Amino acid sequence: MKFMLIVTIGLSMICQCFSMDGFQLNQTRPTTITNSLRIVNGDIVPADSSDYFFLVTLARLEEYGSLFSFCGGAILRRDVVITAYHCLEGEDLSKVFIRPNYDNTINDIPLELYYGILKVSYREEAYMNDICLVFLDAPIEFSDRVNSISLPSEEIMDGTSVYVMGFGQLWFNGPISMQLRVARLIKQRDFLCSQTWPISFHADRQFCTAGPMGEDSCLGDSGGPLILMEGNKLVIGGIVAFGPVVCGTDFGVNMKVLAYVDWIQSLL
């Protein structure tokens, strides 16, 4: 649920199988990224894919019992999810529920398959440190389709490919996606980000990305993970924070998870 004046990062598309610059995203979950990944009309993650086992969506319980998905997140532990602070700012936590990525969709499922929120932990100056840990009221039941992701231990080098996924808008002011989509983004140089976002970009805790062909995340993808490989380990390198009003037209800004690893581990 991104700031409307700085709408962020938007959905891009997916594929049936995929490789990340020559290595598989997960050795036990082979799949392949095509060259047609775009924010509009891209490939969709098939329902039977288990590549995004760590992903969750945040859904708000609306009137008459309907659930509205508004942000993403990732599982760090059976009872802990990481997301963006602004996703939960001002929310009635008793009406926000966490949905593991059971089938790469946000189709209707019973509320019993969602998890409630026990508490939320965040840093001081939360607006600047747009990251939080969500502690669940019950441990998530893990399976071959639902599991946790590792924290990073290395900086993301300029030019590195990272992957973002979510159910957000397909384009600015467009419809959300009912099926999971993913896009490849490239980590940009900090000084370029500073030129685009001279006031709001902070290289010590954020990094910028851009898609080689306009790929991006968008409204509804906030809090979702940006993933990459460290050696043979899949890690969460970033969290979607903010970006241009019109998705895909400039650099998107993401929280740098590495900058918060000590804080995160102190709470786990």
C-alpha atoms as a PDB file:
ATOM      1  CA  MET A   1       0.000   0.000   0.000  1.00  0.00           C
ATOM      2  CA  LYS A   2       2.303   2.655  -1.257  1.00  0.00           C
ATOM      3  CA  PHE A   3       2.299   6.374  -0.854  1.00  0.00           C
ATOM      4  CA  MET A   4       0.176   7.734  -3.692  1.00  0.00           C
ATOM      5  CA  LEU A   5       2.474  10.685  -4.328  1.00  0.00           C
ATOM      6  CA  ILE A   6       5.402   8.364  -4.589  1.00  0.00           C
ATOM      7  CA  VAL A   7       3.834   5.249  -5.927  1.00  0.00           C
ATOM      8  CA  THR A   8       6.191   2.367  -5.987  1.00  0.00           C
ATOM      9  CA  ILE A   9       7.320  -0.451  -7.400  1.00  0.00           C
ATOM     10  CA  GLY A  10       5.141  -2.461  -9.574  1.00  0.00           C
ATOM     11  CA  LEU A  11       4.526  -5.777 -10.744  1.00  0.00           C
ATOM     12  CA  SER A  12       6.330  -7.393 -13.392  1.00  0.00           C
ATOM     13  CA  MET A  13       5.961 -10.617 -14.968  1.00  0.00           C
ATOM     14  CA  ILE A  14       6.954 -14.116 -14.641  1.00  0.00           C
ATOM     15  CA  CYS A  15       7.776 -17.285 -16.158  1.00  0.00           C
ATOM     16  CA  GLN A  16       7.441 -20.885 -15.971  1.00  0.00           C
ATOM     17  CA  CYS A  17      10.977 -21.566 -15.029  1.00  0.00           C
ATOM     18  CA  PHE A  18      13.861 -19.403 -14.433  1.00  0.00           C
ATOM     19  CA  SER A  19      17.527 -18.756 -14.088  1.00  0.00           C
ATOM     20  CA  MET A  20      19.202 -15.764 -12.508  1.00  0.00           C
ATOM     21  CA  ASP A  21      22.206 -14.822 -14.615  1.00  0.00           C
ATOM     22  CA  GLY A  22      23.205 -18.428 -15.070  1.00  0.00           C
ATOM     23  CA  PHE A  23      22.303 -19.901 -11.702  1.00  0.00           C
ATOM     24  CA  GLN A  24      19.007 -21.342 -10.659  1.00  0.00           C
ATOM     25  CA  LEU A  25      16.910 -19.431  -8.189  1.00  0.00           C
ATOM     26  CA  ASN A  26      16.513 -22.586  -6.150  1.00  0.00           C
ATOM     27  CA  GLN A  27      18.180 -25.857  -6.962  1.00  0.00           C
ATOM     28  CA  THR A  28      15.158 -27.833  -5.853  1.00  0.00           C
ATOM     29  CA  ARG A  29      12.715 -25.563  -7.648  1.00  0.00           C
ATOM     30  CA  PRO A  30      14.052 -25.183 -11.206  1.00  0.00           C
ATOM     31  CA  THR A  31      12.396 -22.588 -13.432  1.00  0.00           C
ATOM     32  CA  THR A  32      13.335 -20.112 -16.261  1.00  0.00           C
ATOM     33  CA  ILE A  33      12.995 -16.369 -16.808  1.00  0.00           C
ATOM     34  CA  THR A  34      12.073 -15.279 -20.313  1.00  0.00           C
ATOM     35  CA  ASN A  35      13.139 -12.112 -22.092  1.00  0.00           C
ATOM     36  CA  SER A  36       9.565 -10.786 -22.135  1.00  0.00           C
ATOM     37  CA  LEU A  37       9.384  -9.696 -18.520  1.00  0.00           C
ATOM     38  CA  ARG A  38       7.454  -6.413 -18.550  1.00  0.00           C
ATOM     39  CA  ILE A  39       5.256  -4.510 -16.100  1.00  0.00           C
ATOM     40  CA  VAL A  40       2.369  -4.926 -18.540  1.00  0.00           C
ATOM     41  CA  ASN A  41       1.283  -8.186 -20.156  1.00  0.00           C
ATOM     42  CA  GLY A  42       4.158 -10.192 -18.761  1.00  0.00           C
ATOM     43  CA  ASP A  43       4.425 -13.835 -17.898  1.00  0.00           C
ATOM     44  CA  ILE A  44       2.624 -15.154 -14.840  1.00  0.00           C
ATOM     45  CA  VAL A  45       3.954 -17.531 -12.223  1.00  0.00           C
ATOM     46  CA  PRO A  46       2.118 -20.828 -12.752  1.00  0.00           C
ATOM     47  CA  ALA A  47      -0.015 -22.052  -9.885  1.00  0.00           C
ATOM     48  CA  ASP A  48       2.093 -25.184  -9.424  1.00  0.00           C
ATOM     49  CA  SER A  49       5.417 -23.302  -9.047  1.00  0.00           C
ATOM     50  CA  SER A  50       6.957 -23.338  -5.574  1.00  0.00           C
ATOM     51  CA  ASP A  51       9.783 -20.894  -6.346  1.00  0.00           C
ATOM     52  CA  TYR A  52       8.335 -18.155  -4.123  1.00  0.00           C
ATOM     53  CA  PHE A  53       7.883 -20.248  -1.006  1.00  0.00           C
ATOM     54  CA  PHE A  54       8.910 -17.335   1.285  1.00  0.00           C
ATOM     55  CA  LEU A  55       6.381 -14.787  -0.006  1.00  0.00           C
ATOM     56  CA  VAL A  56       3.378 -13.554   1.954  1.00  0.00           C
ATOM     57  CA  THR A  57       0.669 -11.011   1.270  1.00  0.00           C
ATOM     58  CA  LEU A  58      -0.858  -8.631   3.797  1.00  0.00           C
ATOM     59  CA  ALA A  59      -4.645  -8.462   3.599  1.00  0.00           C
ATOM     60  CA  ARG A  60      -7.063  -6.117   5.335  1.00  0.00           C
ATOM     61  CA  LEU A  61     -10.416  -7.438   6.530  1.00  0.00           C
ATOM     62  CA  GLU A  62     -12.993  -5.097   5.026  1.00  0.00           C
ATOM     63  CA  GLU A  63     -16.667  -4.700   5.765  1.00  0.00           C
ATOM     64  CA  TYR A  64     -18.858  -7.714   5.038  1.00  0.00           C
ATOM     65  CA  GLY A  65     -15.893 -10.025   5.522  1.00  0.00           C
ATOM     66  CA  SER A  66     -14.003  -9.393   2.285  1.00  0.00           C
ATOM     67  CA  LEU A  67     -10.182  -9.374   2.288  1.00  0.00           C
ATOM     68  CA  PHE A  68      -8.182  -6.751   0.393  1.00  0.00           C
ATOM     69  CA  SER A  69      -4.504  -7.510  -0.359  1.00  0.00           C
ATOM     70  CA  PHE A  70      -2.427  -4.336  -0.088  1.00  0.00           C
ATOM     71  CA  CYS A  71       1.232  -5.220   0.590  1.00  0.00           C
ATOM     72  CA  GLY A  72       3.781  -8.001   0.414  1.00  0.00           C
ATOM     73  CA  GLY A  73       6.320  -9.480   2.783  1.00  0.00           C
ATOM     74  CA  ALA A  74       8.591 -12.447   3.364  1.00  0.00           C
ATOM     75  CA  ILE A  75       8.842 -15.211   5.964  1.00  0.00           C
ATOM     76  CA  LEU A  76      11.965 -15.061   8.157  1.00  0.00           C
ATOM     77  CA  ARG A  77      10.804 -17.573  10.755  1.00  0.00           C
ATOM     78  CA  ARG A  78       7.656 -19.613  11.305  1.00  0.00           C
ATOM     79  CA  ASP A  79       6.208 -16.798  13.372  1.00  0.00           C
ATOM     80  CA  VAL A  80       7.998 -13.755  11.900  1.00  0.00           C
ATOM     81  CA  VAL A  81       7.427 -11.878   8.649  1.00  0.00           C
ATOM     82  CA  ILE A  82       9.402  -8.904   7.333  1.00  0.00           C
ATOM     83  CA  THR A  83       7.721  -6.060   5.433  1.00  0.00           C
ATOM     84  CA  ALA A  84       7.771  -2.267   5.053  1.00  0.00           C
ATOM     85  CA  TYR A  85       6.797  -0.155   8.057  1.00  0.00           C
ATOM     86  CA  HIS A  86       4.557   2.103   5.969  1.00  0.00           C
ATOM     87  CA  CYS A  87       2.405  -0.898   5.041  1.00  0.00           C
ATOM     88  CA  LEU A  88       1.155  -1.169   8.625  1.00  0.00           C
ATOM     89  CA  GLU A  89       1.352   2.452   9.725  1.00  0.00           C
ATOM     90  CA  GLY A  90      -2.108   3.496  10.905  1.00  0.00           C
ATOM     91  CA  GLU A  91      -3.624   0.063  10.291  1.00  0.00           C
ATOM     92  CA  ASP A  92      -5.886  -1.674  12.797  1.00  0.00           C
ATOM     93  CA  LEU A  93      -3.688  -4.740  13.328  1.00  0.00           C
ATOM     94  CA  SER A  94      -6.654  -6.792  14.501  1.00  0.00           C
ATOM     95  CA  LYS A  95      -7.983  -6.501  10.947  1.00  0.00           C
ATOM     96  CA  VAL A  96      -4.746  -7.291   9.083  1.00  0.00           C
ATOM     97  CA  PHE A  97      -3.971 -10.906   8.225  1.00  0.00           C
ATOM     98  CA  ILE A  98      -0.969 -12.659   6.689  1.00  0.00           C
ATOM     99  CA  ARG A  99      -1.437 -15.069   3.808  1.00  0.00           C
ATOM    100  CA  PRO A 100       1.419 -17.425   2.885  1.00  0.00           C
ATOM    101  CA  ASN A 101       1.917 -17.998  -0.832  1.00  0.00           C
ATOM    102  CA  TYR A 102      -0.073 -21.206  -1.127  1.00  0.00           C
ATOM    103  CA  ASP A 103      -0.778 -21.132  -4.858  1.00  0.00           C
ATOM    104  CA  ASN A 104       0.662 -17.954  -6.458  1.00  0.00           C
ATOM    105  CA  THR A 105      -2.772 -16.297  -6.409  1.00  0.00           C
ATOM    106  CA  ILE A 106      -4.803 -14.062  -4.140  1.00  0.00           C
ATOM    107  CA  ASN A 107      -8.039 -15.862  -4.884  1.00  0.00           C
ATOM    108  CA  ASP A 108     -10.544 -16.265  -2.067  1.00  0.00           C
ATOM    109  CA  ILE A 109      -9.595 -18.801   0.576  1.00  0.00           C
ATOM    110  CA  PRO A 110     -10.977 -19.317   4.093  1.00  0.00           C
ATOM    111  CA  LEU A 111      -9.825 -16.829   6.728  1.00  0.00           C
ATOM    112  CA  GLU A 112      -8.652 -19.835   8.762  1.00  0.00           C
ATOM    113  CA  LEU A 113      -5.725 -20.176   6.320  1.00  0.00           C
ATOM    114  CA  TYR A 114      -4.475 -16.681   7.178  1.00  0.00           C
ATOM    115  CA  TYR A 115      -2.414 -15.745  10.235  1.00  0.00           C
ATOM    116  CA  GLY A 116      -3.143 -12.919  12.642  1.00  0.00           C
ATOM    117  CA  ILE A 117      -0.679 -10.361  14.000  1.00  0.00           C
ATOM    118  CA  LEU A 118       0.517 -10.546  17.598  1.00  0.00           C
ATOM    119  CA  LYS A 119       2.784  -7.474  17.503  1.00  0.00           C
ATOM    120  CA  VAL A 120       4.959  -5.371  15.202  1.00  0.00           C
ATOM    121  CA  SER A 121       8.535  -4.270  15.914  1.00  0.00           C
ATOM    122  CA  TYR A 122      10.140  -1.337  14.125  1.00  0.00           C
ATOM    123  CA  ARG A 123      13.102   0.991  14.440  1.00  0.00           C
ATOM    124  CA  GLU A 124      13.218   4.520  15.765  1.00  0.00           C
ATOM    125  CA  GLU A 125      12.462   7.104  13.095  1.00  0.00           C
ATOM    126  CA  ALA A 126      10.311   4.457  11.437  1.00  0.00           C
ATOM    127  CA  TYR A 127       9.460   6.732   8.522  1.00  0.00           C
ATOM    128  CA  MET A 128      13.154   6.800   7.591  1.00  0.00           C
ATOM    129  CA  ASN A 129      13.708   3.150   8.523  1.00  0.00           C
ATOM    130  CA  ASP A 130      10.864   1.753   6.452  1.00  0.00           C
ATOM    131  CA  ILE A 131      11.149  -1.813   7.672  1.00  0.00           C
ATOM    132  CA  CYS A 132       9.411  -3.834  10.368  1.00  0.00           C
ATOM    133  CA  LEU A 133       9.067  -7.331  11.760  1.00  0.00           C
ATOM    134  CA  VAL A 134       5.597  -8.783  12.141  1.00  0.00           C
ATOM    135  CA  PHE A 135       5.191 -11.388  14.869  1.00  0.00           C
ATOM    136  CA  LEU A 136       2.322 -13.759  14.172  1.00  0.00           C
ATOM    137  CA  ASP A 137      -0.228 -15.150  16.603  1.00  0.00           C
ATOM    138  CA  ALA A 138       0.608 -18.714  15.521  1.00  0.00           C
ATOM    139  CA  PRO A 139       3.543 -20.356  13.698  1.00  0.00           C
ATOM    140  CA  ILE A 140       3.142 -20.779   9.944  1.00  0.00           C
ATOM    141  CA  GLU A 141       2.818 -24.377   8.869  1.00  0.00           C
ATOM    142  CA  PHE A 142       5.772 -25.037   6.575  1.00  0.00           C
ATOM    143  CA  SER A 143       5.617 -27.322   3.544  1.00  0.00           C
ATOM    144  CA  ASP A 144       7.386 -27.765   0.212  1.00  0.00           C
ATOM    145  CA  ARG A 145       5.481 -24.651  -0.933  1.00  0.00           C
ATOM    146  CA  VAL A 146       5.768 -22.482   2.193  1.00  0.00           C
ATOM    147  CA  ASN A 147       9.047 -21.803   3.989  1.00  0.00           C
ATOM    148  CA  SER A 148      11.443 -19.090   5.178  1.00  0.00           C
ATOM    149  CA  ILE A 149      14.138 -17.124   3.324  1.00  0.00           C
ATOM    150  CA  SER A 150      17.657 -16.311   4.552  1.00  0.00           C
ATOM    151  CA  LEU A 151      19.063 -12.921   5.501  1.00  0.00           C
ATOM    152  CA  PRO A 152      21.932 -11.470   3.425  1.00  0.00           C
ATOM    153  CA  SER A 153      25.554 -11.232   4.522  1.00  0.00           C
ATOM    154  CA  GLU A 154      27.023  -9.273   1.589  1.00  0.00           C
ATOM    155  CA  GLU A 155      26.469  -5.918  -0.101  1.00  0.00           C
ATOM    156  CA  ILE A 156      24.632  -5.984  -3.422  1.00  0.00           C
ATOM    157  CA  MET A 157      27.077  -4.847  -6.085  1.00  0.00           C
ATOM    158  CA  ASP A 158      26.111  -2.324  -8.765  1.00  0.00           C
ATOM    159  CA  GLY A 159      24.760  -4.077 -11.843  1.00  0.00           C
ATOM    160  CA  THR A 160      23.566  -7.126  -9.908  1.00  0.00           C
ATOM    161  CA  SER A 161      20.236  -8.660 -10.908  1.00  0.00           C
ATOM    162  CA  VAL A 162      17.598  -8.893  -8.195  1.00  0.00           C
ATOM    163  CA  TYR A 163      14.048 -10.136  -8.532  1.00  0.00           C
ATOM    164  CA  VAL A 164      10.889  -8.499  -7.222  1.00  0.00           C
ATOM    165  CA  MET A 165       7.464 -10.098  -7.086  1.00  0.00           C
ATOM    166  CA  GLY A 166       3.945  -9.278  -5.981  1.00  0.00           C
ATOM    167  CA  PHE A 167       0.276  -8.866  -6.756  1.00  0.00           C
ATOM    168  CA  GLY A 168       0.283  -5.074  -7.189  1.00  0.00           C
ATOM    169  CA  GLN A 169      -0.985  -2.933 -10.027  1.00  0.00           C
ATOM    170  CA  LEU A 170      -0.038  -3.964 -13.561  1.00  0.00           C
ATOM    171  CA  TRP A 171       0.558  -0.311 -14.369  1.00  0.00           C
ATOM    172  CA  PHE A 172      -0.018   3.017 -12.653  1.00  0.00           C
ATOM    173  CA  ASN A 173      -3.713   3.271 -11.723  1.00  0.00           C
ATOM    174  CA  GLY A 174      -4.239  -0.078 -13.398  1.00  0.00           C
ATOM    175  CA  PRO A 175      -5.785  -3.264 -11.997  1.00  0.00           C
ATOM    176  CA  ILE A 176      -4.011  -5.438  -9.462  1.00  0.00           C
ATOM    177  CA  SER A 177      -2.946  -8.901 -10.505  1.00  0.00           C
ATOM    178  CA  MET A 178      -4.813 -11.882  -9.121  1.00  0.00           C
ATOM    179  CA  GLN A 179      -1.819 -14.068  -9.978  1.00  0.00           C
ATOM    180  CA  LEU A 180       1.746 -13.638  -8.812  1.00  0.00           C
ATOM    181  CA  ARG A 181       4.131 -11.835 -11.166  1.00  0.00           C
ATOM    182  CA  VAL A 182       7.880 -11.262 -10.986  1.00  0.00           C
ATOM    183  CA  ALA A 183      10.447  -9.004 -12.663  1.00  0.00           C
ATOM    184  CA  ARG A 184      14.212  -8.777 -12.959  1.00  0.00           C
ATOM    185  CA  LEU A 185      15.661  -5.462 -11.798  1.00  0.00           C
ATOM    186  CA  ILE A 186      19.216  -4.121 -11.818  1.00  0.00           C
ATOM    187  CA  LYS A 187      20.882  -2.551  -8.767  1.00  0.00           C
ATOM    188  CA  GLN A 188      21.870   1.031  -9.685  1.00  0.00           C
ATOM    189  CA  ARG A 189      24.760   3.208  -8.541  1.00  0.00           C
ATOM    190  CA  ASP A 190      24.047   5.218  -5.411  1.00  0.00           C
ATOM    191  CA  PHE A 191      25.028   8.568  -6.884  1.00  0.00           C
ATOM    192  CA  LEU A 192      22.427   8.145  -9.636  1.00  0.00           C
ATOM    193  CA  CYS A 193      19.785   7.441  -7.018  1.00  0.00           C
ATOM    194  CA  SER A 194      20.852  10.540  -5.095  1.00  0.00           C
ATOM    195  CA  GLN A 195      20.327  12.643  -8.204  1.00  0.00           C
ATOM    196  CA  THR A 196      16.816  11.271  -8.685  1.00  0.00           C
ATOM    197  CA  TRP A 197      15.865  11.325  -4.991  1.00  0.00           C
ATOM    198  CA  PRO A 198      18.145  14.033  -3.461  1.00  0.00           C
ATOM    199  CA  ILE A 199      16.169  14.287  -0.205  1.00  0.00           C
ATOM    200  CA  SER A 200      14.626  10.862   0.333  1.00  0.00           C
ATOM    201  CA  PHE A 201      17.428   8.492  -0.758  1.00  0.00           C
ATOM    202  CA  HIS A 202      19.961   7.364   1.876  1.00  0.00           C
ATOM    203  CA  ALA A 203      22.687   5.053   0.606  1.00  0.00           C
ATOM    204  CA  ASP A 204      23.492   3.687   4.059  1.00  0.00           C
ATOM    205  CA  ARG A 205      20.102   1.979   4.294  1.00  0.00           C
ATOM    206  CA  GLN A 206      18.591   1.992   0.804  1.00  0.00           C
ATOM    207  CA  PHE A 207      19.424   1.026  -2.760  1.00  0.00           C
ATOM    208  CA  CYS A 208      17.862   1.818  -6.109  1.00  0.00           C
ATOM    209  CA  THR A 209      16.772  -0.485  -8.898  1.00  0.00           C
ATOM    210  CA  ALA A 210      15.518  -0.178 -12.452  1.00  0.00           C
ATOM    211  CA  GLY A 211      14.312  -2.710 -14.979  1.00  0.00           C
ATOM    212  CA  PRO A 212      16.337  -3.074 -18.187  1.00  0.00           C
ATOM    213  CA  MET A 213      13.114  -2.751 -20.198  1.00  0.00           C
ATOM    214  CA  GLY A 214      10.987  -0.679 -17.830  1.00  0.00           C
ATOM    215  CA  GLU A 215      10.237  -3.426 -15.327  1.00  0.00           C
ATOM    216  CA  ASP A 216       9.242  -2.210 -11.909  1.00  0.00           C
ATOM    217  CA  SER A 217       7.027  -2.824  -8.920  1.00  0.00           C
ATOM    218  CA  CYS A 218       3.913  -0.717  -8.361  1.00  0.00           C
ATOM    219  CA  LEU A 219       1.160   0.218  -5.923  1.00  0.00           C
ATOM    220  CA  GLY A 220       0.329  -2.874  -3.895  1.00  0.00           C
ATOM    221  CA  ASP A 221       3.833  -4.367  -4.066  1.00  0.00           C
ATOM    222  CA  SER A 222       5.167  -2.371  -1.099  1.00  0.00           C
ATOM    223  CA  GLY A 223       6.906  -4.411   1.564  1.00  0.00           C
ATOM    224  CA  GLY A 224       7.561  -7.235  -0.858  1.00  0.00           C
ATOM    225  CA  PRO A 225      11.006  -8.838  -1.082  1.00  0.00           C
ATOM    226  CA  LEU A 226      13.776  -8.314  -3.593  1.00  0.00           C
ATOM    227  CA  ILE A 227      15.700 -11.567  -3.813  1.00  0.00           C
ATOM    228  CA  LEU A 228      19.049 -12.707  -5.161  1.00  0.00           C
ATOM    229  CA  MET A 229      21.594 -15.476  -4.750  1.00  0.00           C
ATOM    230  CA  GLU A 230      24.590 -15.309  -2.396  1.00  0.00           C
ATOM    231  CA  GLY A 231      26.678 -18.229  -3.547  1.00  0.00           C
ATOM    232  CA  ASN A 232      24.221 -21.107  -3.504  1.00  0.00           C
ATOM    233  CA  LYS A 233      21.868 -19.454  -1.000  1.00  0.00           C
ATOM    234  CA  LEU A 234      18.725 -17.483  -1.802  1.00  0.00           C
ATOM    235  CA  VAL A 235      18.491 -14.308   0.304  1.00  0.00           C
ATOM    236  CA  ILE A 236      16.244 -11.300   0.745  1.00  0.00           C
ATOM    237  CA  GLY A 237      18.366  -8.318  -0.237  1.00  0.00           C
ATOM    238  CA  GLY A 238      15.721  -5.611  -0.186  1.00  0.00           C
ATOM    239  CA  ILE A 239      12.188  -4.540   0.643  1.00  0.00           C
ATOM    240  CA  VAL A 240      10.080  -2.432  -1.712  1.00  0.00           C
ATOM    241  CA  ALA A 241       9.797   1.097  -0.298  1.00  0.00           C
ATOM    242  CA  PHE A 242       8.912   3.813  -2.835  1.00  0.00           C
ATOM    243  CA  GLY A 243       9.392   4.972  -6.396  1.00  0.00           C
ATOM    244  CA  PRO A 244       8.085   7.233  -9.158  1.00  0.00           C
ATOM    245  CA  VAL A 245       4.404   8.131  -9.358  1.00  0.00           C
ATOM    246  CA  VAL A 246       4.196   6.436 -12.739  1.00  0.00           C
ATOM    247  CA  CYS A 247       5.649   2.981 -12.182  1.00  0.00           C
ATOM    248  CA  GLY A 248       8.612   2.013 -14.328  1.00  0.00           C
ATOM    249  CA  THR A 249       9.623   5.534 -15.367  1.00  0.00           C
ATOM    250  CA  ASP A 250      12.516   6.081 -12.936  1.00  0.00           C
ATOM    251  CA  PHE A 251      14.514   4.426 -10.166  1.00  0.00           C
ATOM    252  CA  GLY A 252      12.644   2.564  -7.452  1.00  0.00           C
ATOM    253  CA  VAL A 253      13.971   2.762  -3.890  1.00  0.00           C
ATOM    254  CA  ASN A 254      14.248  -0.293  -1.657  1.00  0.00           C
ATOM    255  CA  MET A 255      15.277  -0.770   1.941  1.00  0.00           C
ATOM    256  CA  LYS A 256      18.669  -2.482   2.212  1.00  0.00           C
ATOM    257  CA  VAL A 257      18.086  -5.508   4.445  1.00  0.00           C
ATOM    258  CA  LEU A 258      21.815  -5.929   5.119  1.00  0.00           C
ATOM    259  CA  ALA A 259      21.801  -2.597   6.986  1.00  0.00           C
ATOM    260  CA  TYR A 260      19.268  -4.033   9.430  1.00  0.00           C
ATOM    261  CA  VAL A 261      20.561  -7.581   9.922  1.00  0.00           C
ATOM    262  CA  ASP A 262      21.940  -6.960  13.431  1.00  0.00           C
ATOM    263  CA  TRP A 263      18.651  -5.393  14.525  1.00  0.00           C
ATOM    264  CA  ILE A 264      16.621  -8.208  12.960  1.00  0.00           C
ATOM    265  CA  GLN A 265      18.735 -10.944  14.535  1.00  0.00           C
ATOM    266  CA  SER A 266      18.458  -9.296  17.944  1.00  0.00           C
ATOM    267  CA  LEU A 267      14.686  -9.788  17.752  1.00  0.00           C
ATOM    268  CA  LEU A 268      14.576 -13.291  16.305  1.00  0.00           C
END
